Amino acid sequence: MPEPTFASQLDEYRAQLAEITRLQQERTGLMGVGTAAGRRVTVTVNADGIAIDIKFSSGVGDLGHEETAAAITAASQLAVADVARQTTALFAPIAPPRTEPLKWDETISGIAELRDQLR
């Protein structure tokens, strides 16, 4: 098999860059949804995990203020996890293969940081 030429390598690089750009643009349209308190609270977040819509069902009046606040937090966390799953799936075709096992300490600290940012 002949060695790739500089021109062919450059073409391949440009094609990869175009695919990454396309995926990044597609990612901006992703939205995650989470519900809590028996579907009485629904939160929708954009691709960056920012709440863009919060809806309450007619039964939300049964919740106290503390319960409503906790439900909003829980639904937000679920929505962020939803959009994160969608993003991972979107970029999976170009993601490098995972060679090391997942480090749970890092994952848990990342979740804690995300929780703090959502407060």
PDB file of N, CA and C in Angstrom:
ATOM      1  N   MET A   1       0.859  -1.174   0.000  1.00  0.00           N
ATOM      2  CA  MET A   1       0.000   0.000   0.000  1.00  0.00           C
ATOM      3  C   MET A   1       0.905   1.236   0.000  1.00  0.00           C
ATOM      4  N   PRO A   2       0.677   2.166  -0.896  1.00  0.00           N
ATOM      5  CA  PRO A   2       1.536   3.354  -0.968  1.00  0.00           C
ATOM      6  C   PRO A   2       1.314   4.276   0.232  1.00  0.00           C
ATOM      7  N   GLU A   3       2.370   5.001   0.586  1.00  0.00           N
ATOM      8  CA  GLU A   3       2.276   5.966   1.682  1.00  0.00           C
ATOM      9  C   GLU A   3       1.363   7.108   1.276  1.00  0.00           C
ATOM     10  N   PRO A   4       0.603   7.631   2.252  1.00  0.00           N
ATOM     11  CA  PRO A   4      -0.272   8.752   1.917  1.00  0.00           C
ATOM     12  C   PRO A   4       0.557   9.997   1.605  1.00  0.00           C
ATOM     13  N   THR A   5       0.077  10.755   0.676  1.00  0.00           N
ATOM     14  CA  THR A   5       0.769  11.993   0.320  1.00  0.00           C
ATOM     15  C   THR A   5       0.339  13.102   1.275  1.00  0.00           C
ATOM     16  N   PHE A   6       1.098  14.167   1.262  1.00  0.00           N
ATOM     17  CA  PHE A   6       0.747  15.314   2.090  1.00  0.00           C
ATOM     18  C   PHE A   6      -0.632  15.830   1.699  1.00  0.00           C
ATOM     19  N   ALA A   7      -0.899  15.879   0.423  1.00  0.00           N
ATOM     20  CA  ALA A   7      -2.193  16.373  -0.055  1.00  0.00           C
ATOM     21  C   ALA A   7      -3.337  15.481   0.425  1.00  0.00           C
ATOM     22  N   SER A   8      -3.148  14.178   0.411  1.00  0.00           N
ATOM     23  CA  SER A   8      -4.207  13.273   0.864  1.00  0.00           C
ATOM     24  C   SER A   8      -4.391  13.378   2.378  1.00  0.00           C
ATOM     25  N   GLN A   9      -3.312  13.551   3.106  1.00  0.00           N
ATOM     26  CA  GLN A   9      -3.423  13.737   4.551  1.00  0.00           C
ATOM     27  C   GLN A   9      -4.144  15.042   4.872  1.00  0.00           C
ATOM     28  N   LEU A  10      -3.849  16.084   4.114  1.00  0.00           N
ATOM     29  CA  LEU A  10      -4.502  17.372   4.310  1.00  0.00           C
ATOM     30  C   LEU A  10      -5.994  17.258   4.004  1.00  0.00           C
ATOM     31  N   ASP A  11      -6.337  16.545   2.957  1.00  0.00           N
ATOM     32  CA  ASP A  11      -7.750  16.324   2.620  1.00  0.00           C
ATOM     33  C   ASP A  11      -8.469  15.575   3.740  1.00  0.00           C
ATOM     34  N   GLU A  12      -7.805  14.565   4.295  1.00  0.00           N
ATOM     35  CA  GLU A  12      -8.397  13.796   5.386  1.00  0.00           C
ATOM     36  C   GLU A  12      -8.588  14.682   6.625  1.00  0.00           C
ATOM     37  N   TYR A  13      -7.601  15.513   6.915  1.00  0.00           N
ATOM     38  CA  TYR A  13      -7.700  16.440   8.044  1.00  0.00           C
ATOM     39  C   TYR A  13      -8.875  17.399   7.842  1.00  0.00           C
ATOM     40  N   ARG A  14      -9.001  17.941   6.656  1.00  0.00           N
ATOM     41  CA  ARG A  14     -10.107  18.859   6.358  1.00  0.00           C
ATOM     42  C   ARG A  14     -11.461  18.174   6.494  1.00  0.00           C
ATOM     43  N   ALA A  15     -11.551  16.933   6.051  1.00  0.00           N
ATOM     44  CA  ALA A  15     -12.804  16.180   6.165  1.00  0.00           C
ATOM     45  C   ALA A  15     -13.148  15.941   7.638  1.00  0.00           C
ATOM     46  N   GLN A  16     -12.139  15.604   8.449  1.00  0.00           N
ATOM     47  CA  GLN A  16     -12.376  15.393   9.876  1.00  0.00           C
ATOM     48  C   GLN A  16     -12.808  16.698  10.554  1.00  0.00           C
ATOM     49  N   LEU A  17     -12.158  17.785  10.199  1.00  0.00           N
ATOM     50  CA  LEU A  17     -12.502  19.084  10.761  1.00  0.00           C
ATOM     51  C   LEU A  17     -13.929  19.475  10.376  1.00  0.00           C
ATOM     52  N   ALA A  18     -14.307  19.213   9.147  1.00  0.00           N
ATOM     53  CA  ALA A  18     -15.667  19.516   8.691  1.00  0.00           C
ATOM     54  C   ALA A  18     -16.689  18.684   9.478  1.00  0.00           C
ATOM     55  N   GLU A  19     -16.369  17.429   9.729  1.00  0.00           N
ATOM     56  CA  GLU A  19     -17.282  16.568  10.492  1.00  0.00           C
ATOM     57  C   GLU A  19     -17.407  17.061  11.935  1.00  0.00           C
ATOM     58  N   ILE A  20     -16.318  17.450  12.540  1.00  0.00           N
ATOM     59  CA  ILE A  20     -16.352  17.978  13.903  1.00  0.00           C
ATOM     60  C   ILE A  20     -17.179  19.264  13.939  1.00  0.00           C
ATOM     61  N   THR A  21     -16.994  20.122  12.983  1.00  0.00           N
ATOM     62  CA  THR A  21     -17.756  21.372  12.909  1.00  0.00           C
ATOM     63  C   THR A  21     -19.244  21.080  12.765  1.00  0.00           C
ATOM     64  N   ARG A  22     -19.582  20.128  11.917  1.00  0.00           N
ATOM     65  CA  ARG A  22     -20.987  19.747  11.720  1.00  0.00           C
ATOM     66  C   ARG A  22     -21.588  19.215  13.017  1.00  0.00           C
ATOM     67  N   LEU A  23     -20.832  18.358  13.715  1.00  0.00           N
ATOM     68  CA  LEU A  23     -21.325  17.794  14.966  1.00  0.00           C
ATOM     69  C   LEU A  23     -21.490  18.870  16.038  1.00  0.00           C
ATOM     70  N   GLN A  24     -20.564  19.811  16.086  1.00  0.00           N
ATOM     71  CA  GLN A  24     -20.681  20.904  17.052  1.00  0.00           C
ATOM     72  C   GLN A  24     -21.924  21.747  16.776  1.00  0.00           C
ATOM     73  N   GLN A  25     -22.195  21.994  15.514  1.00  0.00           N
ATOM     74  CA  GLN A  25     -23.399  22.758  15.165  1.00  0.00           C
ATOM     75  C   GLN A  25     -24.656  21.976  15.525  1.00  0.00           C
ATOM     76  N   GLU A  26     -24.637  20.680  15.270  1.00  0.00           N
ATOM     77  CA  GLU A  26     -25.789  19.843  15.602  1.00  0.00           C
ATOM     78  C   GLU A  26     -25.992  19.794  17.119  1.00  0.00           C
ATOM     79  N   ARG A  27     -24.900  19.775  17.873  1.00  0.00           N
ATOM     80  CA  ARG A  27     -24.971  19.724  19.333  1.00  0.00           C
ATOM     81  C   ARG A  27     -25.697  20.945  19.895  1.00  0.00           C
ATOM     82  N   THR A  28     -25.521  22.101  19.265  1.00  0.00           N
ATOM     83  CA  THR A  28     -26.154  23.312  19.791  1.00  0.00           C
ATOM     84  C   THR A  28     -27.674  23.217  19.813  1.00  0.00           C
ATOM     85  N   GLY A  29     -28.240  22.332  19.015  1.00  0.00           N
ATOM     86  CA  GLY A  29     -29.689  22.157  18.981  1.00  0.00           C
ATOM     87  C   GLY A  29     -30.223  21.127  19.958  1.00  0.00           C
ATOM     88  N   LEU A  30     -29.328  20.455  20.671  1.00  0.00           N
ATOM     89  CA  LEU A  30     -29.782  19.428  21.609  1.00  0.00           C
ATOM     90  C   LEU A  30     -30.487  20.055  22.805  1.00  0.00           C
ATOM     91  N   MET A  31     -31.463  19.334  23.326  1.00  0.00           N
ATOM     92  CA  MET A  31     -32.163  19.733  24.539  1.00  0.00           C
ATOM     93  C   MET A  31     -32.375  18.491  25.394  1.00  0.00           C
ATOM     94  N   GLY A  32     -32.215  18.654  26.678  1.00  0.00           N
ATOM     95  CA  GLY A  32     -32.456  17.566  27.619  1.00  0.00           C
ATOM     96  C   GLY A  32     -33.678  17.878  28.448  1.00  0.00           C
ATOM     97  N   VAL A  33     -34.397  16.836  28.829  1.00  0.00           N
ATOM     98  CA  VAL A  33     -35.614  17.004  29.619  1.00  0.00           C
ATOM     99  C   VAL A  33     -35.539  16.089  30.830  1.00  0.00           C
ATOM    100  N   GLY A  34     -35.935  16.623  31.973  1.00  0.00           N
ATOM    101  CA  GLY A  34     -36.015  15.838  33.194  1.00  0.00           C
ATOM    102  C   GLY A  34     -37.299  16.158  33.922  1.00  0.00           C
ATOM    103  N   THR A  35     -37.850  15.141  34.561  1.00  0.00           N
ATOM    104  CA  THR A  35     -39.073  15.353  35.339  1.00  0.00           C
ATOM    105  C   THR A  35     -38.857  14.836  36.756  1.00  0.00           C
ATOM    106  N   ALA A  36     -39.626  15.381  37.685  1.00  0.00           N
ATOM    107  CA  ALA A  36     -39.527  14.961  39.085  1.00  0.00           C
ATOM    108  C   ALA A  36     -40.884  15.153  39.758  1.00  0.00           C
ATOM    109  N   ALA A  37     -40.940  14.687  40.984  1.00  0.00           N
ATOM    110  CA  ALA A  37     -42.157  14.811  41.800  1.00  0.00           C
ATOM    111  C   ALA A  37     -43.374  14.252  41.067  1.00  0.00           C
ATOM    112  N   GLY A  38     -43.221  13.046  40.573  1.00  0.00           N
ATOM    113  CA  GLY A  38     -44.348  12.406  39.890  1.00  0.00           C
ATOM    114  C   GLY A  38     -44.802  13.148  38.657  1.00  0.00           C
ATOM    115  N   ARG A  39     -43.851  13.675  37.912  1.00  0.00           N
ATOM    116  CA  ARG A  39     -44.087  14.423  36.673  1.00  0.00           C
ATOM    117  C   ARG A  39     -44.786  15.770  36.910  1.00  0.00           C
ATOM    118  N   ARG A  40     -44.753  16.244  38.140  1.00  0.00           N
ATOM    119  CA  ARG A  40     -45.363  17.540  38.422  1.00  0.00           C
ATOM    120  C   ARG A  40     -44.428  18.693  38.059  1.00  0.00           C
ATOM    121  N   VAL A  41     -43.123  18.380  37.926  1.00  0.00           N
ATOM    122  CA  VAL A  41     -42.130  19.387  37.544  1.00  0.00           C
ATOM    123  C   VAL A  41     -41.325  18.848  36.368  1.00  0.00           C
ATOM    124  N   THR A  42     -41.233  19.639  35.307  1.00  0.00           N
ATOM    125  CA  THR A  42     -40.455  19.280  34.131  1.00  0.00           C
ATOM    126  C   THR A  42     -39.508  20.433  33.815  1.00  0.00           C
ATOM    127  N   VAL A  43     -38.223  20.083  33.642  1.00  0.00           N
ATOM    128  CA  VAL A  43     -37.214  21.082  33.302  1.00  0.00           C
ATOM    129  C   VAL A  43     -36.585  20.695  31.971  1.00  0.00           C
ATOM    130  N   THR A  44     -36.438  21.671  31.098  1.00  0.00           N
ATOM    131  CA  THR A  44     -35.748  21.484  29.822  1.00  0.00           C
ATOM    132  C   THR A  44     -34.492  22.344  29.848  1.00  0.00           C
ATOM    133  N   VAL A  45     -33.367  21.731  29.436  1.00  0.00           N
ATOM    134  CA  VAL A  45     -32.100  22.463  29.377  1.00  0.00           C
ATOM    135  C   VAL A  45     -31.586  22.449  27.943  1.00  0.00           C
ATOM    136  N   ASN A  46     -30.761  23.453  27.625  1.00  0.00           N
ATOM    137  CA  ASN A  46     -30.153  23.481  26.299  1.00  0.00           C
ATOM    138  C   ASN A  46     -28.884  22.628  26.310  1.00  0.00           C
ATOM    139  N   ALA A  47     -28.156  22.645  25.215  1.00  0.00           N
ATOM    140  CA  ALA A  47     -26.964  21.804  25.070  1.00  0.00           C
ATOM    141  C   ALA A  47     -25.889  22.130  26.093  1.00  0.00           C
ATOM    142  N   ASP A  48     -25.923  23.345  26.643  1.00  0.00           N
ATOM    143  CA  ASP A  48     -24.937  23.745  27.642  1.00  0.00           C
ATOM    144  C   ASP A  48     -25.418  23.480  29.069  1.00  0.00           C
ATOM    145  N   GLY A  49     -26.571  22.853  29.212  1.00  0.00           N
ATOM    146  CA  GLY A  49     -27.089  22.518  30.527  1.00  0.00           C
ATOM    147  C   GLY A  49     -27.790  23.666  31.226  1.00  0.00           C
ATOM    148  N   ILE A  50     -28.135  24.701  30.487  1.00  0.00           N
ATOM    149  CA  ILE A  50     -28.814  25.859  31.067  1.00  0.00           C
ATOM    150  C   ILE A  50     -30.322  25.671  30.920  1.00  0.00           C
ATOM    151  N   ALA A  51     -31.031  25.856  32.028  1.00  0.00           N
ATOM    152  CA  ALA A  51     -32.490  25.697  32.009  1.00  0.00           C
ATOM    153  C   ALA A  51     -33.111  26.717  31.064  1.00  0.00           C
ATOM    154  N   ILE A  52     -33.909  26.221  30.128  1.00  0.00           N
ATOM    155  CA  ILE A  52     -34.589  27.115  29.188  1.00  0.00           C
ATOM    156  C   ILE A  52     -36.098  27.066  29.353  1.00  0.00           C
ATOM    157  N   ASP A  53     -36.585  26.090  30.135  1.00  0.00           N
ATOM    158  CA  ASP A  53     -38.023  26.008  30.366  1.00  0.00           C
ATOM    159  C   ASP A  53     -38.274  25.187  31.629  1.00  0.00           C
ATOM    160  N   ILE A  54     -39.180  25.660  32.443  1.00  0.00           N
ATOM    161  CA  ILE A  54     -39.624  24.929  33.628  1.00  0.00           C
ATOM    162  C   ILE A  54     -41.144  24.928  33.590  1.00  0.00           C
ATOM    163  N   LYS A  55     -41.709  23.733  33.673  1.00  0.00           N
ATOM    164  CA  LYS A  55     -43.172  23.616  33.636  1.00  0.00           C
ATOM    165  C   LYS A  55     -43.647  22.858  34.863  1.00  0.00           C
ATOM    166  N   PHE A  56     -44.808  23.277  35.333  1.00  0.00           N
ATOM    167  CA  PHE A  56     -45.443  22.624  36.465  1.00  0.00           C
ATOM    168  C   PHE A  56     -46.782  22.062  36.012  1.00  0.00           C
ATOM    169  N   SER A  57     -47.086  20.845  36.446  1.00  0.00           N
ATOM    170  CA  SER A  57     -48.403  20.289  36.142  1.00  0.00           C
ATOM    171  C   SER A  57     -49.400  20.828  37.167  1.00  0.00           C
ATOM    172  N   SER A  58     -50.647  20.523  36.951  1.00  0.00           N
ATOM    173  CA  SER A  58     -51.684  21.047  37.843  1.00  0.00           C
ATOM    174  C   SER A  58     -51.509  20.540  39.277  1.00  0.00           C
ATOM    175  N   GLY A  59     -50.854  19.417  39.473  1.00  0.00           N
ATOM    176  CA  GLY A  59     -50.679  18.859  40.811  1.00  0.00           C
ATOM    177  C   GLY A  59     -49.542  19.459  41.609  1.00  0.00           C
ATOM    178  N   VAL A  60     -48.820  20.432  41.043  1.00  0.00           N
ATOM    179  CA  VAL A  60     -47.680  20.996  41.759  1.00  0.00           C
ATOM    180  C   VAL A  60     -48.117  21.728  43.023  1.00  0.00           C
ATOM    181  N   GLY A  61     -49.352  22.177  43.078  1.00  0.00           N
ATOM    182  CA  GLY A  61     -49.851  22.858  44.260  1.00  0.00           C
ATOM    183  C   GLY A  61     -49.872  21.972  45.497  1.00  0.00           C
ATOM    184  N   ASP A  62     -49.801  20.658  45.290  1.00  0.00           N
ATOM    185  CA  ASP A  62     -49.771  19.716  46.416  1.00  0.00           C
ATOM    186  C   ASP A  62     -48.408  19.731  47.113  1.00  0.00           C
ATOM    187  N   LEU A  63     -47.398  20.324  46.458  1.00  0.00           N
ATOM    188  CA  LEU A  63     -46.045  20.352  47.016  1.00  0.00           C
ATOM    189  C   LEU A  63     -45.820  21.637  47.795  1.00  0.00           C
ATOM    190  N   GLY A  64     -45.057  21.525  48.852  1.00  0.00           N
ATOM    191  CA  GLY A  64     -44.647  22.718  49.580  1.00  0.00           C
ATOM    192  C   GLY A  64     -43.494  23.388  48.852  1.00  0.00           C
ATOM    193  N   HIS A  65     -43.082  24.544  49.352  1.00  0.00           N
ATOM    194  CA  HIS A  65     -41.994  25.283  48.718  1.00  0.00           C
ATOM    195  C   HIS A  65     -40.698  24.471  48.675  1.00  0.00           C
ATOM    196  N   GLU A  66     -40.361  23.833  49.777  1.00  0.00           N
ATOM    197  CA  GLU A  66     -39.128  23.022  49.838  1.00  0.00           C
ATOM    198  C   GLU A  66     -39.197  21.860  48.846  1.00  0.00           C
ATOM    199  N   GLU A  67     -40.355  21.208  48.779  1.00  0.00           N
ATOM    200  CA  GLU A  67     -40.521  20.082  47.867  1.00  0.00           C
ATOM    201  C   GLU A  67     -40.456  20.541  46.410  1.00  0.00           C
ATOM    202  N   THR A  68     -41.033  21.680  46.129  1.00  0.00           N
ATOM    203  CA  THR A  68     -40.985  22.223  44.771  1.00  0.00           C
ATOM    204  C   THR A  68     -39.556  22.554  44.385  1.00  0.00           C
ATOM    205  N   ALA A  69     -38.822  23.191  45.280  1.00  0.00           N
ATOM    206  CA  ALA A  69     -37.423  23.525  45.014  1.00  0.00           C
ATOM    207  C   ALA A  69     -36.601  22.266  44.789  1.00  0.00           C
ATOM    208  N   ALA A  70     -36.808  21.252  45.617  1.00  0.00           N
ATOM    209  CA  ALA A  70     -36.074  19.990  45.456  1.00  0.00           C
ATOM    210  C   ALA A  70     -36.434  19.321  44.127  1.00  0.00           C
ATOM    211  N   ALA A  71     -37.703  19.405  43.743  1.00  0.00           N
ATOM    212  CA  ALA A  71     -38.137  18.807  42.471  1.00  0.00           C
ATOM    213  C   ALA A  71     -37.507  19.526  41.283  1.00  0.00           C
ATOM    214  N   ILE A  72     -37.414  20.837  41.357  1.00  0.00           N
ATOM    215  CA  ILE A  72     -36.773  21.591  40.275  1.00  0.00           C
ATOM    216  C   ILE A  72     -35.310  21.195  40.161  1.00  0.00           C
ATOM    217  N   THR A  73     -34.641  21.076  41.293  1.00  0.00           N
ATOM    218  CA  THR A  73     -33.232  20.666  41.290  1.00  0.00           C
ATOM    219  C   THR A  73     -33.081  19.268  40.703  1.00  0.00           C
ATOM    220  N   ALA A  74     -33.905  18.335  41.161  1.00  0.00           N
ATOM    221  CA  ALA A  74     -33.823  16.959  40.671  1.00  0.00           C
ATOM    222  C   ALA A  74     -34.114  16.882  39.172  1.00  0.00           C
ATOM    223  N   ALA A  75     -35.146  17.582  38.727  1.00  0.00           N
ATOM    224  CA  ALA A  75     -35.497  17.568  37.303  1.00  0.00           C
ATOM    225  C   ALA A  75     -34.383  18.203  36.476  1.00  0.00           C
ATOM    226  N   SER A  76     -33.767  19.256  36.996  1.00  0.00           N
ATOM    227  CA  SER A  76     -32.653  19.900  36.288  1.00  0.00           C
ATOM    228  C   SER A  76     -31.482  18.946  36.132  1.00  0.00           C
ATOM    229  N   GLN A  77     -31.166  18.223  37.189  1.00  0.00           N
ATOM    230  CA  GLN A  77     -30.064  17.261  37.129  1.00  0.00           C
ATOM    231  C   GLN A  77     -30.344  16.163  36.110  1.00  0.00           C
ATOM    232  N   LEU A  78     -31.576  15.692  36.084  1.00  0.00           N
ATOM    233  CA  LEU A  78     -31.947  14.667  35.103  1.00  0.00           C
ATOM    234  C   LEU A  78     -31.873  15.212  33.678  1.00  0.00           C
ATOM    235  N   ALA A  79     -32.272  16.455  33.501  1.00  0.00           N
ATOM    236  CA  ALA A  79     -32.225  17.071  32.170  1.00  0.00           C
ATOM    237  C   ALA A  79     -30.789  17.233  31.706  1.00  0.00           C
ATOM    238  N   VAL A  80     -29.908  17.650  32.608  1.00  0.00           N
ATOM    239  CA  VAL A  80     -28.489  17.795  32.258  1.00  0.00           C
ATOM    240  C   VAL A  80     -27.894  16.432  31.901  1.00  0.00           C
ATOM    241  N   ALA A  81     -28.239  15.402  32.660  1.00  0.00           N
ATOM    242  CA  ALA A  81     -27.755  14.058  32.346  1.00  0.00           C
ATOM    243  C   ALA A  81     -28.285  13.593  30.990  1.00  0.00           C
ATOM    244  N   ASP A  82     -29.523  13.945  30.685  1.00  0.00           N
ATOM    245  CA  ASP A  82     -30.126  13.588  29.395  1.00  0.00           C
ATOM    246  C   ASP A  82     -29.361  14.228  28.238  1.00  0.00           C
ATOM    247  N   VAL A  83     -29.086  15.515  28.331  1.00  0.00           N
ATOM    248  CA  VAL A  83     -28.386  16.196  27.239  1.00  0.00           C
ATOM    249  C   VAL A  83     -26.933  15.707  27.156  1.00  0.00           C
ATOM    250  N   ALA A  84     -26.347  15.329  28.287  1.00  0.00           N
ATOM    251  CA  ALA A  84     -24.988  14.782  28.271  1.00  0.00           C
ATOM    252  C   ALA A  84     -24.965  13.440  27.540  1.00  0.00           C
ATOM    253  N   ARG A  85     -25.980  12.602  27.774  1.00  0.00           N
ATOM    254  CA  ARG A  85     -26.066  11.319  27.056  1.00  0.00           C
ATOM    255  C   ARG A  85     -26.219  11.545  25.553  1.00  0.00           C
ATOM    256  N   GLN A  86     -27.066  12.514  25.197  1.00  0.00           N
ATOM    257  CA  GLN A  86     -27.263  12.815  23.776  1.00  0.00           C
ATOM    258  C   GLN A  86     -25.959  13.306  23.128  1.00  0.00           C
ATOM    259  N   THR A  87     -25.219  14.136  23.858  1.00  0.00           N
ATOM    260  CA  THR A  87     -23.957  14.660  23.338  1.00  0.00           C
ATOM    261  C   THR A  87     -22.947  13.541  23.155  1.00  0.00           C
ATOM    262  N   THR A  88     -22.872  12.654  24.132  1.00  0.00           N
ATOM    263  CA  THR A  88     -21.957  11.510  24.039  1.00  0.00           C
ATOM    264  C   THR A  88     -22.310  10.642  22.834  1.00  0.00           C
ATOM    265  N   ALA A  89     -23.588  10.390  22.646  1.00  0.00           N
ATOM    266  CA  ALA A  89     -24.026   9.580  21.506  1.00  0.00           C
ATOM    267  C   ALA A  89     -23.717  10.277  20.181  1.00  0.00           C
ATOM    268  N   LEU A  90     -23.912  11.588  20.149  1.00  0.00           N
ATOM    269  CA  LEU A  90     -23.662  12.347  18.925  1.00  0.00           C
ATOM    270  C   LEU A  90     -22.196  12.272  18.513  1.00  0.00           C
ATOM    271  N   PHE A  91     -21.299  12.396  19.492  1.00  0.00           N
ATOM    272  CA  PHE A  91     -19.873  12.421  19.192  1.00  0.00           C
ATOM    273  C   PHE A  91     -19.220  11.039  19.214  1.00  0.00           C
ATOM    274  N   ALA A  92     -19.958  10.008  19.554  1.00  0.00           N
ATOM    275  CA  ALA A  92     -19.405   8.656  19.642  1.00  0.00           C
ATOM    276  C   ALA A  92     -18.665   8.210  18.374  1.00  0.00           C
ATOM    277  N   PRO A  93     -19.182   8.516  17.179  1.00  0.00           N
ATOM    278  CA  PRO A  93     -18.476   8.050  15.980  1.00  0.00           C
ATOM    279  C   PRO A  93     -17.060   8.621  15.825  1.00  0.00           C
ATOM    280  N   ILE A  94     -16.782   9.759  16.433  1.00  0.00           N
ATOM    281  CA  ILE A  94     -15.445  10.339  16.273  1.00  0.00           C
ATOM    282  C   ILE A  94     -14.627  10.292  17.561  1.00  0.00           C
ATOM    283  N   ALA A  95     -15.225   9.778  18.638  1.00  0.00           N
ATOM    284  CA  ALA A  95     -14.519   9.720  19.918  1.00  0.00           C
ATOM    285  C   ALA A  95     -13.456   8.625  19.872  1.00  0.00           C
ATOM    286  N   PRO A  96     -12.289   8.918  20.459  1.00  0.00           N
ATOM    287  CA  PRO A  96     -11.256   7.869  20.501  1.00  0.00           C
ATOM    288  C   PRO A  96     -11.720   6.731  21.398  1.00  0.00           C
ATOM    289  N   PRO A  97     -11.286   5.523  21.110  1.00  0.00           N
ATOM    290  CA  PRO A  97     -11.703   4.394  21.949  1.00  0.00           C
ATOM    291  C   PRO A  97     -11.169   4.567  23.371  1.00  0.00           C
ATOM    292  N   ARG A  98     -11.951   4.161  24.324  1.00  0.00           N
ATOM    293  CA  ARG A  98     -11.572   4.270  25.732  1.00  0.00           C
ATOM    294  C   ARG A  98     -10.628   3.126  26.074  1.00  0.00           C
ATOM    295  N   THR A  99      -9.426   3.459  26.512  1.00  0.00           N
ATOM    296  CA  THR A  99      -8.444   2.425  26.828  1.00  0.00           C
ATOM    297  C   THR A  99      -8.312   2.184  28.324  1.00  0.00           C
ATOM    298  N   GLU A 100      -8.780   3.154  29.123  1.00  0.00           N
ATOM    299  CA  GLU A 100      -8.700   3.010  30.571  1.00  0.00           C
ATOM    300  C   GLU A 100     -10.100   2.903  31.147  1.00  0.00           C
ATOM    301  N   PRO A 101     -10.224   2.169  32.255  1.00  0.00           N
ATOM    302  CA  PRO A 101     -11.547   2.103  32.881  1.00  0.00           C
ATOM    303  C   PRO A 101     -11.943   3.471  33.428  1.00  0.00           C
ATOM    304  N   LEU A 102     -13.240   3.674  33.536  1.00  0.00           N
ATOM    305  CA  LEU A 102     -13.780   4.920  34.065  1.00  0.00           C
ATOM    306  C   LEU A 102     -13.337   5.079  35.514  1.00  0.00           C
ATOM    307  N   LYS A 103     -12.881   6.279  35.858  1.00  0.00           N
ATOM    308  CA  LYS A 103     -12.438   6.564  37.224  1.00  0.00           C
ATOM    309  C   LYS A 103     -13.608   7.191  37.976  1.00  0.00           C
ATOM    310  N   TRP A 104     -14.207   6.413  38.861  1.00  0.00           N
ATOM    311  CA  TRP A 104     -15.413   6.849  39.542  1.00  0.00           C
ATOM    312  C   TRP A 104     -15.191   8.071  40.410  1.00  0.00           C
ATOM    313  N   ASP A 105     -14.008   8.203  41.019  1.00  0.00           N
ATOM    314  CA  ASP A 105     -13.738   9.381  41.860  1.00  0.00           C
ATOM    315  C   ASP A 105     -13.844  10.657  41.037  1.00  0.00           C
ATOM    316  N   GLU A 106     -13.268  10.635  39.825  1.00  0.00           N
ATOM    317  CA  GLU A 106     -13.335  11.801  38.953  1.00  0.00           C
ATOM    318  C   GLU A 106     -14.763  12.061  38.496  1.00  0.00           C
ATOM    319  N   THR A 107     -15.485  11.000  38.207  1.00  0.00           N
ATOM    320  CA  THR A 107     -16.870  11.142  37.759  1.00  0.00           C
ATOM    321  C   THR A 107     -17.735  11.745  38.856  1.00  0.00           C
ATOM    322  N   ILE A 108     -17.579  11.246  40.070  1.00  0.00           N
ATOM    323  CA  ILE A 108     -18.382  11.739  41.194  1.00  0.00           C
ATOM    324  C   ILE A 108     -18.040  13.193  41.500  1.00  0.00           C
ATOM    325  N   SER A 109     -16.751  13.542  41.459  1.00  0.00           N
ATOM    326  CA  SER A 109     -16.390  14.938  41.716  1.00  0.00           C
ATOM    327  C   SER A 109     -16.931  15.837  40.610  1.00  0.00           C
ATOM    328  N   GLY A 110     -16.970  15.347  39.372  1.00  0.00           N
ATOM    329  CA  GLY A 110     -17.541  16.116  38.270  1.00  0.00           C
ATOM    330  C   GLY A 110     -19.030  16.337  38.460  1.00  0.00           C
ATOM    331  N   ILE A 111     -19.728  15.327  38.953  1.00  0.00           N
ATOM    332  CA  ILE A 111     -21.161  15.461  39.221  1.00  0.00           C
ATOM    333  C   ILE A 111     -21.383  16.476  40.340  1.00  0.00           C
ATOM    334  N   ALA A 112     -20.537  16.435  41.373  1.00  0.00           N
ATOM    335  CA  ALA A 112     -20.662  17.385  42.480  1.00  0.00           C
ATOM    336  C   ALA A 112     -20.444  18.817  41.991  1.00  0.00           C
ATOM    337  N   GLU A 113     -19.461  19.007  41.120  1.00  0.00           N
ATOM    338  CA  GLU A 113     -19.212  20.337  40.566  1.00  0.00           C
ATOM    339  C   GLU A 113     -20.409  20.808  39.749  1.00  0.00           C
ATOM    340  N   LEU A 114     -20.986  19.906  38.951  1.00  0.00           N
ATOM    341  CA  LEU A 114     -22.161  20.251  38.150  1.00  0.00           C
ATOM    342  C   LEU A 114     -23.330  20.629  39.054  1.00  0.00           C
ATOM    343  N   ARG A 115     -23.533  19.866  40.122  1.00  0.00           N
ATOM    344  CA  ARG A 115     -24.605  20.168  41.061  1.00  0.00           C
ATOM    345  C   ARG A 115     -24.423  21.571  41.636  1.00  0.00           C
ATOM    346  N   ASP A 116     -23.196  21.900  42.030  1.00  0.00           N
ATOM    347  CA  ASP A 116     -22.926  23.216  42.590  1.00  0.00           C
ATOM    348  C   ASP A 116     -23.199  24.328  41.576  1.00  0.00           C
ATOM    349  N   GLN A 117     -22.909  24.068  40.315  1.00  0.00           N
ATOM    350  CA  GLN A 117     -23.152  25.067  39.277  1.00  0.00           C
ATOM    351  C   GLN A 117     -24.648  25.269  39.030  1.00  0.00           C
ATOM    352  N   LEU A 118     -25.431  24.235  39.249  1.00  0.00           N
ATOM    353  CA  LEU A 118     -26.870  24.320  39.021  1.00  0.00           C
ATOM    354  C   LEU A 118     -27.598  25.034  40.152  1.00  0.00           C
ATOM    355  N   ARG A 119     -26.924  25.201  41.268  1.00  0.00           N
ATOM    356  CA  ARG A 119     -27.570  25.883  42.416  1.00  0.00           C
ATOM    357  C   ARG A 119     -27.642  27.358  42.225  1.00  0.00           C
TER     358      ARG A 119
END
